[in-house]
Amino acid sequence: MNLYDFEVDTIDGETIRLDSYRGKVLLIVNVASRCGFTPQYDGLEALYRRHRDAGLVILGFPCNQFGGQEPGSEAEIRQFCASRYEVSFPLFAKIEVNGDHAHPLYAYLKSMQKGLLGSEAIKWNFTKFLVDRNGEVVRRYAPTASPESIEPDLLPLLAAGKGG
C-alpha cells in the first residue's frame, strides 16, 4: 500500500482518494481550532498561497484527541477556518490520529516517519508530514515547528517538479 491508495472524507462529506494529489508536494497536518498552535493556520495558509502554483497542497485533518481542542462539527470547523484564518487549502473530516481508531492514513504516515526517539504516536495537534511528488513521506515535524521553518525543506521538492 502507498499514500495514493488511501481514501479520505473531505470536510464536506465527499470521499476522495489521495491519488487525486499524485504529482503534488503535500504537507499533511492534524489541526485543531482551540489549540495553542492554532495560529499556525496563518503560516500554513501563507505557505500554501506562496507555493500552490508550484505544486504544494496542504491537507488539514481536524482532530479532537488532544485536550478536546477540536470539539466542533465539520461545518463549524470549516466556518472557523474560513472566517478566522481565510483557509483555502483542503480540509477533511475530523479523524483520530492515535489509538485503535486512528485513520489508516495516519497509521501509514506514522509508520513511514517516526517521531522523537522512534515513537510513532502523534504527540499533539499540528504535527506535520512532508510528502514528495512521488508519494514518499520524507519528513515529520513536531507541532512546535512553524510552517515557515518547513519552507527550506519544501523548496527543493517543489523545484524537482518544475519543467516536468
N, C-alpha and C. Protein backbone atom coordinates (compact mmCIF):
# COMPACT_ATOMS: atom_id res chain seq x y z
N MET A 1 0.84 -1.18 0.00
CA MET A 1 0.00 0.00 0.00
C MET A 1 0.88 1.24 0.00
N ASN A 2 0.47 2.26 -0.74
CA ASN A 2 1.19 3.54 -0.71
C ASN A 2 0.21 4.67 -0.41
N LEU A 3 0.72 5.86 -0.25
CA LEU A 3 -0.08 7.01 0.15
C LEU A 3 -1.29 7.22 -0.76
N TYR A 4 -1.09 6.98 -2.05
CA TYR A 4 -2.15 7.26 -3.01
C TYR A 4 -3.31 6.26 -2.97
N ASP A 5 -3.15 5.18 -2.23
CA ASP A 5 -4.22 4.19 -2.11
C ASP A 5 -5.27 4.57 -1.07
N PHE A 6 -4.98 5.54 -0.22
CA PHE A 6 -5.89 5.87 0.88
C PHE A 6 -7.06 6.72 0.42
N GLU A 7 -8.21 6.46 1.03
CA GLU A 7 -9.39 7.28 0.83
C GLU A 7 -9.61 8.11 2.08
N VAL A 8 -10.04 9.34 1.88
CA VAL A 8 -10.33 10.25 2.99
C VAL A 8 -11.63 10.98 2.68
N ASP A 9 -12.28 11.43 3.74
CA ASP A 9 -13.52 12.19 3.57
C ASP A 9 -13.20 13.67 3.71
N THR A 10 -13.66 14.46 2.74
CA THR A 10 -13.48 15.90 2.82
C THR A 10 -14.35 16.45 3.94
N ILE A 11 -14.11 17.68 4.31
CA ILE A 11 -14.90 18.31 5.36
C ILE A 11 -16.35 18.48 4.94
N ASP A 12 -16.60 18.38 3.63
CA ASP A 12 -17.97 18.48 3.10
C ASP A 12 -18.61 17.10 2.91
N GLY A 13 -17.92 16.04 3.34
CA GLY A 13 -18.52 14.71 3.31
C GLY A 13 -18.29 13.91 2.04
N GLU A 14 -17.49 14.40 1.13
CA GLU A 14 -17.18 13.67 -0.10
C GLU A 14 -15.97 12.78 0.15
N THR A 15 -16.03 11.54 -0.32
CA THR A 15 -14.89 10.63 -0.20
C THR A 15 -14.02 10.76 -1.44
N ILE A 16 -12.72 10.97 -1.21
CA ILE A 16 -11.77 11.06 -2.32
C ILE A 16 -10.58 10.15 -2.05
N ARG A 17 -9.90 9.77 -3.12
CA ARG A 17 -8.64 9.03 -2.98
C ARG A 17 -7.50 10.03 -3.05
N LEU A 18 -6.48 9.79 -2.24
CA LEU A 18 -5.32 10.67 -2.25
C LEU A 18 -4.59 10.63 -3.59
N ASP A 19 -4.94 9.67 -4.42
CA ASP A 19 -4.40 9.59 -5.77
C ASP A 19 -4.68 10.89 -6.54
N SER A 20 -5.72 11.62 -6.14
CA SER A 20 -6.03 12.88 -6.83
C SER A 20 -4.94 13.93 -6.59
N TYR A 21 -4.03 13.68 -5.65
CA TYR A 21 -2.92 14.60 -5.38
C TYR A 21 -1.59 14.07 -5.92
N ARG A 22 -1.64 13.02 -6.72
CA ARG A 22 -0.41 12.47 -7.31
C ARG A 22 0.35 13.57 -8.06
N GLY A 23 1.65 13.62 -7.86
CA GLY A 23 2.48 14.62 -8.53
C GLY A 23 2.59 15.94 -7.79
N LYS A 24 1.89 16.06 -6.68
CA LYS A 24 1.95 17.27 -5.86
C LYS A 24 2.86 17.02 -4.65
N VAL A 25 3.38 18.10 -4.08
CA VAL A 25 4.09 18.04 -2.81
C VAL A 25 3.02 18.30 -1.74
N LEU A 26 2.95 17.42 -0.76
CA LEU A 26 1.91 17.52 0.26
C LEU A 26 2.51 17.83 1.63
N LEU A 27 1.79 18.65 2.37
CA LEU A 27 2.08 18.85 3.78
C LEU A 27 0.79 18.46 4.50
N ILE A 28 0.84 17.35 5.23
CA ILE A 28 -0.33 16.79 5.90
C ILE A 28 -0.24 17.13 7.37
N VAL A 29 -1.30 17.76 7.90
CA VAL A 29 -1.27 18.33 9.25
C VAL A 29 -2.54 17.95 9.99
N ASN A 30 -2.40 17.49 11.25
CA ASN A 30 -3.59 17.33 12.10
C ASN A 30 -3.80 18.66 12.81
N VAL A 31 -4.98 19.22 12.64
CA VAL A 31 -5.26 20.59 13.07
C VAL A 31 -6.34 20.63 14.16
N ALA A 32 -6.43 21.76 14.83
CA ALA A 32 -7.46 21.97 15.85
C ALA A 32 -7.72 23.46 16.00
N SER A 33 -8.96 23.80 16.32
CA SER A 33 -9.39 25.20 16.39
C SER A 33 -9.13 25.87 17.73
N ARG A 34 -8.91 25.07 18.78
CA ARG A 34 -8.75 25.65 20.12
C ARG A 34 -7.43 25.25 20.76
N CYS A 35 -6.40 25.23 19.98
CA CYS A 35 -5.08 24.78 20.40
C CYS A 35 -4.15 25.98 20.49
N GLY A 36 -3.14 25.88 21.33
CA GLY A 36 -2.14 26.93 21.38
C GLY A 36 -1.41 27.13 20.06
N PHE A 37 -1.42 26.09 19.21
CA PHE A 37 -0.77 26.17 17.91
C PHE A 37 -1.73 26.59 16.80
N THR A 38 -3.00 26.82 17.12
CA THR A 38 -3.99 27.19 16.10
C THR A 38 -3.54 28.39 15.25
N PRO A 39 -2.84 29.38 15.80
CA PRO A 39 -2.37 30.48 14.94
C PRO A 39 -1.47 30.02 13.79
N GLN A 40 -0.98 28.77 13.82
CA GLN A 40 -0.21 28.26 12.69
C GLN A 40 -1.05 28.21 11.41
N TYR A 41 -2.38 28.26 11.54
CA TYR A 41 -3.21 28.34 10.34
C TYR A 41 -2.77 29.51 9.46
N ASP A 42 -2.40 30.63 10.08
CA ASP A 42 -1.93 31.78 9.29
C ASP A 42 -0.70 31.41 8.47
N GLY A 43 0.28 30.78 9.11
CA GLY A 43 1.50 30.39 8.41
C GLY A 43 1.27 29.32 7.37
N LEU A 44 0.39 28.37 7.68
CA LEU A 44 0.07 27.32 6.71
C LEU A 44 -0.60 27.92 5.47
N GLU A 45 -1.54 28.82 5.70
CA GLU A 45 -2.23 29.45 4.57
C GLU A 45 -1.26 30.29 3.74
N ALA A 46 -0.37 31.02 4.41
CA ALA A 46 0.62 31.83 3.68
C ALA A 46 1.54 30.93 2.85
N LEU A 47 1.98 29.84 3.43
CA LEU A 47 2.83 28.88 2.72
C LEU A 47 2.10 28.32 1.50
N TYR A 48 0.84 27.95 1.71
CA TYR A 48 0.02 27.41 0.62
C TYR A 48 -0.13 28.43 -0.50
N ARG A 49 -0.45 29.65 -0.16
CA ARG A 49 -0.67 30.68 -1.18
C ARG A 49 0.62 30.99 -1.94
N ARG A 50 1.76 30.94 -1.24
CA ARG A 50 3.05 31.21 -1.90
C ARG A 50 3.44 30.12 -2.88
N HIS A 51 3.08 28.86 -2.56
CA HIS A 51 3.65 27.76 -3.33
C HIS A 51 2.63 26.85 -4.03
N ARG A 52 1.36 27.16 -3.94
CA ARG A 52 0.36 26.26 -4.55
C ARG A 52 0.54 26.18 -6.06
N ASP A 53 0.91 27.28 -6.70
CA ASP A 53 1.09 27.24 -8.16
C ASP A 53 2.30 26.40 -8.56
N ALA A 54 3.22 26.16 -7.63
CA ALA A 54 4.38 25.31 -7.89
C ALA A 54 4.10 23.85 -7.55
N GLY A 55 2.90 23.57 -7.00
CA GLY A 55 2.54 22.18 -6.74
C GLY A 55 2.35 21.79 -5.30
N LEU A 56 2.35 22.75 -4.36
CA LEU A 56 2.13 22.42 -2.95
C LEU A 56 0.64 22.32 -2.65
N VAL A 57 0.27 21.28 -1.91
CA VAL A 57 -1.08 21.18 -1.36
C VAL A 57 -0.94 20.85 0.13
N ILE A 58 -1.60 21.64 0.95
CA ILE A 58 -1.65 21.37 2.38
C ILE A 58 -2.98 20.68 2.66
N LEU A 59 -2.92 19.58 3.40
CA LEU A 59 -4.11 18.81 3.74
C LEU A 59 -4.30 18.90 5.25
N GLY A 60 -5.40 19.50 5.69
CA GLY A 60 -5.67 19.67 7.10
C GLY A 60 -6.69 18.66 7.60
N PHE A 61 -6.31 17.91 8.62
CA PHE A 61 -7.17 16.89 9.22
C PHE A 61 -7.50 17.27 10.66
N PRO A 62 -8.70 17.82 10.91
CA PRO A 62 -9.08 18.15 12.28
C PRO A 62 -9.07 16.91 13.17
N CYS A 63 -8.63 17.12 14.41
CA CYS A 63 -8.52 16.02 15.37
C CYS A 63 -8.86 16.54 16.76
N ASN A 64 -9.68 15.79 17.48
CA ASN A 64 -10.12 16.19 18.82
C ASN A 64 -9.48 15.32 19.91
N GLN A 65 -8.38 14.63 19.60
CA GLN A 65 -7.77 13.71 20.56
C GLN A 65 -6.86 14.36 21.58
N PHE A 66 -6.56 15.62 21.42
CA PHE A 66 -5.60 16.28 22.30
C PHE A 66 -6.28 17.40 23.06
N GLY A 67 -6.66 17.12 24.27
CA GLY A 67 -7.27 18.13 25.12
C GLY A 67 -8.63 18.61 24.66
N GLY A 68 -9.31 17.84 23.81
CA GLY A 68 -10.63 18.25 23.33
C GLY A 68 -10.60 19.58 22.60
N GLN A 69 -9.52 19.82 21.85
CA GLN A 69 -9.32 21.13 21.23
C GLN A 69 -9.97 21.30 19.87
N GLU A 70 -10.71 20.28 19.42
CA GLU A 70 -11.46 20.39 18.16
C GLU A 70 -12.84 19.78 18.37
N PRO A 71 -13.66 20.41 19.23
CA PRO A 71 -14.95 19.81 19.58
C PRO A 71 -16.06 20.02 18.55
N GLY A 72 -15.89 20.96 17.63
CA GLY A 72 -16.97 21.34 16.72
C GLY A 72 -17.27 20.31 15.65
N SER A 73 -18.38 20.54 14.97
CA SER A 73 -18.78 19.74 13.81
C SER A 73 -17.93 20.16 12.61
N GLU A 74 -18.00 19.39 11.53
CA GLU A 74 -17.25 19.76 10.33
C GLU A 74 -17.68 21.14 9.84
N ALA A 75 -18.99 21.43 9.88
CA ALA A 75 -19.48 22.74 9.42
C ALA A 75 -18.91 23.85 10.29
N GLU A 76 -18.85 23.63 11.59
CA GLU A 76 -18.28 24.65 12.50
C GLU A 76 -16.79 24.83 12.26
N ILE A 77 -16.09 23.74 12.03
CA ILE A 77 -14.65 23.81 11.76
C ILE A 77 -14.39 24.57 10.46
N ARG A 78 -15.14 24.23 9.42
CA ARG A 78 -14.99 24.90 8.13
C ARG A 78 -15.25 26.41 8.28
N GLN A 79 -16.32 26.78 8.99
CA GLN A 79 -16.66 28.18 9.20
C GLN A 79 -15.56 28.91 9.98
N PHE A 80 -15.06 28.28 11.04
CA PHE A 80 -13.99 28.87 11.84
C PHE A 80 -12.75 29.12 10.98
N CYS A 81 -12.35 28.11 10.23
CA CYS A 81 -11.13 28.23 9.42
C CYS A 81 -11.28 29.30 8.34
N ALA A 82 -12.45 29.37 7.74
CA ALA A 82 -12.68 30.36 6.68
C ALA A 82 -12.76 31.77 7.24
N SER A 83 -13.49 31.96 8.33
CA SER A 83 -13.71 33.31 8.83
C SER A 83 -12.53 33.83 9.63
N ARG A 84 -11.87 32.98 10.38
CA ARG A 84 -10.80 33.44 11.26
C ARG A 84 -9.44 33.46 10.57
N TYR A 85 -9.19 32.50 9.68
CA TYR A 85 -7.87 32.37 9.07
C TYR A 85 -7.88 32.37 7.54
N GLU A 86 -9.05 32.52 6.93
CA GLU A 86 -9.18 32.54 5.47
C GLU A 86 -8.51 31.33 4.83
N VAL A 87 -8.68 30.16 5.46
CA VAL A 87 -8.07 28.93 4.96
C VAL A 87 -8.68 28.56 3.61
N SER A 88 -7.81 28.36 2.63
CA SER A 88 -8.27 27.94 1.30
C SER A 88 -7.71 26.57 0.92
N PHE A 89 -6.79 26.01 1.72
CA PHE A 89 -6.29 24.67 1.41
C PHE A 89 -7.33 23.63 1.85
N PRO A 90 -7.24 22.42 1.31
CA PRO A 90 -8.25 21.40 1.59
C PRO A 90 -8.30 20.98 3.06
N LEU A 91 -9.51 20.91 3.59
CA LEU A 91 -9.75 20.40 4.93
C LEU A 91 -10.59 19.13 4.83
N PHE A 92 -10.42 18.27 5.81
CA PHE A 92 -11.06 16.96 5.78
C PHE A 92 -11.91 16.74 7.03
N ALA A 93 -12.65 15.65 7.01
CA ALA A 93 -13.49 15.30 8.15
C ALA A 93 -12.61 15.03 9.36
N LYS A 94 -13.16 15.26 10.53
CA LYS A 94 -12.45 15.02 11.78
C LYS A 94 -12.07 13.55 11.89
N ILE A 95 -10.83 13.30 12.30
CA ILE A 95 -10.32 11.94 12.42
C ILE A 95 -9.61 11.76 13.75
N GLU A 96 -9.28 10.51 14.05
CA GLU A 96 -8.36 10.21 15.14
C GLU A 96 -7.02 9.86 14.50
N VAL A 97 -5.93 10.25 15.18
CA VAL A 97 -4.60 10.01 14.65
C VAL A 97 -3.81 8.99 15.47
N ASN A 98 -4.31 8.67 16.66
CA ASN A 98 -3.68 7.68 17.54
C ASN A 98 -4.72 6.67 17.99
N GLY A 99 -4.23 5.53 18.47
CA GLY A 99 -5.11 4.55 19.09
C GLY A 99 -5.75 3.59 18.11
N ASP A 100 -6.67 2.80 18.65
CA ASP A 100 -7.32 1.75 17.87
C ASP A 100 -8.16 2.29 16.72
N HIS A 101 -8.61 3.53 16.83
CA HIS A 101 -9.48 4.10 15.79
C HIS A 101 -8.75 5.14 14.93
N ALA A 102 -7.43 5.09 14.98
CA ALA A 102 -6.65 6.02 14.14
C ALA A 102 -6.99 5.78 12.67
N HIS A 103 -7.10 6.85 11.94
CA HIS A 103 -7.37 6.74 10.50
C HIS A 103 -6.20 5.98 9.85
N PRO A 104 -6.49 5.08 8.92
CA PRO A 104 -5.42 4.31 8.26
C PRO A 104 -4.34 5.19 7.63
N LEU A 105 -4.71 6.37 7.13
CA LEU A 105 -3.70 7.28 6.58
C LEU A 105 -2.68 7.64 7.65
N TYR A 106 -3.15 7.94 8.84
CA TYR A 106 -2.23 8.33 9.91
C TYR A 106 -1.41 7.15 10.42
N ALA A 107 -1.99 5.97 10.43
CA ALA A 107 -1.21 4.78 10.79
C ALA A 107 -0.04 4.63 9.80
N TYR A 108 -0.33 4.86 8.53
CA TYR A 108 0.69 4.78 7.48
C TYR A 108 1.75 5.87 7.66
N LEU A 109 1.31 7.13 7.81
CA LEU A 109 2.26 8.24 7.95
C LEU A 109 3.20 8.00 9.12
N LYS A 110 2.64 7.59 10.25
CA LYS A 110 3.46 7.37 11.45
C LYS A 110 4.44 6.23 11.26
N SER A 111 4.07 5.22 10.50
CA SER A 111 4.99 4.10 10.26
C SER A 111 6.12 4.50 9.31
N MET A 112 5.86 5.46 8.44
CA MET A 112 6.86 5.91 7.46
C MET A 112 7.85 6.90 8.06
N GLN A 113 7.39 7.73 8.98
CA GLN A 113 8.27 8.72 9.62
C GLN A 113 7.96 8.75 11.11
N LYS A 114 8.83 8.13 11.86
CA LYS A 114 8.63 8.07 13.31
C LYS A 114 9.02 9.40 13.95
N GLY A 115 8.52 9.61 15.14
CA GLY A 115 8.80 10.84 15.88
C GLY A 115 10.03 10.72 16.75
N LEU A 116 10.10 11.56 17.73
CA LEU A 116 11.21 11.62 18.66
C LEU A 116 11.45 10.27 19.32
N LEU A 117 12.69 9.84 19.34
CA LEU A 117 13.10 8.57 19.94
C LEU A 117 12.40 7.36 19.33
N GLY A 118 12.02 7.49 18.06
CA GLY A 118 11.41 6.37 17.35
C GLY A 118 9.95 6.14 17.65
N SER A 119 9.33 7.04 18.37
CA SER A 119 7.91 6.91 18.70
C SER A 119 7.05 7.12 17.46
N GLU A 120 6.00 6.32 17.33
CA GLU A 120 5.06 6.53 16.24
C GLU A 120 3.93 7.47 16.62
N ALA A 121 3.59 7.53 17.89
CA ALA A 121 2.43 8.30 18.33
C ALA A 121 2.56 9.78 17.97
N ILE A 122 1.45 10.35 17.55
CA ILE A 122 1.37 11.79 17.36
C ILE A 122 1.28 12.40 18.76
N LYS A 123 2.11 13.39 19.04
CA LYS A 123 2.17 13.95 20.38
C LYS A 123 1.14 15.05 20.61
N TRP A 124 0.77 15.79 19.56
CA TRP A 124 -0.17 16.90 19.74
C TRP A 124 -0.65 17.37 18.37
N ASN A 125 -1.59 18.30 18.39
CA ASN A 125 -2.09 18.92 17.16
C ASN A 125 -0.96 19.66 16.45
N PHE A 126 -1.12 19.77 15.15
CA PHE A 126 -0.20 20.48 14.27
C PHE A 126 1.12 19.73 14.08
N THR A 127 1.10 18.41 14.23
CA THR A 127 2.21 17.58 13.75
C THR A 127 2.09 17.57 12.23
N LYS A 128 3.23 17.65 11.54
CA LYS A 128 3.21 17.81 10.10
C LYS A 128 4.04 16.73 9.42
N PHE A 129 3.54 16.25 8.28
CA PHE A 129 4.26 15.28 7.46
C PHE A 129 4.45 15.88 6.07
N LEU A 130 5.70 15.87 5.59
CA LEU A 130 6.02 16.37 4.26
C LEU A 130 6.16 15.19 3.32
N VAL A 131 5.45 15.26 2.19
CA VAL A 131 5.40 14.17 1.22
C VAL A 131 5.84 14.70 -0.14
N ASP A 132 6.76 13.99 -0.79
CA ASP A 132 7.25 14.46 -2.09
C ASP A 132 6.28 14.12 -3.22
N ARG A 133 6.63 14.52 -4.42
CA ARG A 133 5.74 14.35 -5.58
C ARG A 133 5.49 12.88 -5.94
N ASN A 134 6.32 11.98 -5.40
CA ASN A 134 6.15 10.55 -5.68
C ASN A 134 5.38 9.84 -4.58
N GLY A 135 4.90 10.59 -3.59
CA GLY A 135 4.13 9.99 -2.51
C GLY A 135 4.98 9.45 -1.38
N GLU A 136 6.28 9.78 -1.37
CA GLU A 136 7.16 9.33 -0.30
C GLU A 136 7.07 10.31 0.88
N VAL A 137 6.89 9.77 2.06
CA VAL A 137 6.85 10.60 3.27
C VAL A 137 8.30 10.88 3.65
N VAL A 138 8.72 12.13 3.44
CA VAL A 138 10.15 12.44 3.57
C VAL A 138 10.53 13.03 4.93
N ARG A 139 9.57 13.61 5.65
CA ARG A 139 9.93 14.22 6.93
C ARG A 139 8.70 14.40 7.80
N ARG A 140 8.93 14.33 9.10
CA ARG A 140 7.91 14.58 10.10
C ARG A 140 8.37 15.74 10.96
N TYR A 141 7.44 16.65 11.27
CA TYR A 141 7.77 17.83 12.06
C TYR A 141 6.92 17.87 13.32
N ALA A 142 7.53 18.29 14.40
CA ALA A 142 6.83 18.44 15.67
C ALA A 142 5.82 19.58 15.57
N PRO A 143 4.82 19.58 16.46
CA PRO A 143 3.84 20.67 16.47
C PRO A 143 4.47 22.05 16.62
N THR A 144 5.60 22.12 17.30
CA THR A 144 6.26 23.41 17.51
C THR A 144 6.93 23.95 16.26
N ALA A 145 7.14 23.12 15.24
CA ALA A 145 7.77 23.58 14.00
C ALA A 145 6.81 24.50 13.26
N SER A 146 7.23 25.72 13.05
CA SER A 146 6.38 26.68 12.35
C SER A 146 6.33 26.33 10.86
N PRO A 147 5.24 26.70 10.20
CA PRO A 147 5.19 26.48 8.75
C PRO A 147 6.37 27.12 8.03
N GLU A 148 6.79 28.30 8.49
CA GLU A 148 7.92 28.99 7.86
C GLU A 148 9.21 28.17 7.97
N SER A 149 9.37 27.44 9.06
CA SER A 149 10.60 26.66 9.26
C SER A 149 10.67 25.46 8.32
N ILE A 150 9.55 25.09 7.75
CA ILE A 150 9.49 23.94 6.84
C ILE A 150 9.86 24.33 5.41
N GLU A 151 9.73 25.60 5.10
CA GLU A 151 9.95 26.07 3.74
C GLU A 151 11.29 25.65 3.14
N PRO A 152 12.41 25.71 3.87
CA PRO A 152 13.68 25.27 3.27
C PRO A 152 13.67 23.80 2.82
N ASP A 153 12.92 22.95 3.50
CA ASP A 153 12.80 21.55 3.07
C ASP A 153 11.83 21.40 1.91
N LEU A 154 10.89 22.28 1.84
CA LEU A 154 9.84 22.24 0.83
C LEU A 154 10.33 22.68 -0.55
N LEU A 155 11.15 23.72 -0.58
CA LEU A 155 11.56 24.31 -1.84
C LEU A 155 12.24 23.34 -2.80
N PRO A 156 13.19 22.49 -2.34
CA PRO A 156 13.80 21.54 -3.29
C PRO A 156 12.79 20.54 -3.84
N LEU A 157 11.81 20.16 -3.03
CA LEU A 157 10.79 19.21 -3.51
C LEU A 157 9.92 19.85 -4.58
N LEU A 158 9.61 21.12 -4.40
CA LEU A 158 8.82 21.84 -5.41
C LEU A 158 9.64 22.04 -6.69
N ALA A 159 10.92 22.36 -6.53
CA ALA A 159 11.80 22.58 -7.68
C ALA A 159 11.96 21.32 -8.49
N ALA A 160 11.90 20.17 -7.83
CA ALA A 160 12.07 18.89 -8.53
C ALA A 160 10.98 18.62 -9.55
N GLY A 161 9.89 19.32 -9.47
CA GLY A 161 8.80 19.09 -10.41
C GLY A 161 8.70 20.11 -11.52
N LYS A 162 9.57 21.15 -11.47
CA LYS A 162 9.49 22.20 -12.49
C LYS A 162 9.94 21.66 -13.84
N GLY A 163 9.20 22.06 -14.86
CA GLY A 163 9.54 21.68 -16.21
C GLY A 163 9.21 20.25 -16.55
N GLY A 164 8.52 19.55 -15.64
CA GLY A 164 8.25 18.14 -15.87
C GLY A 164 6.94 17.90 -16.32
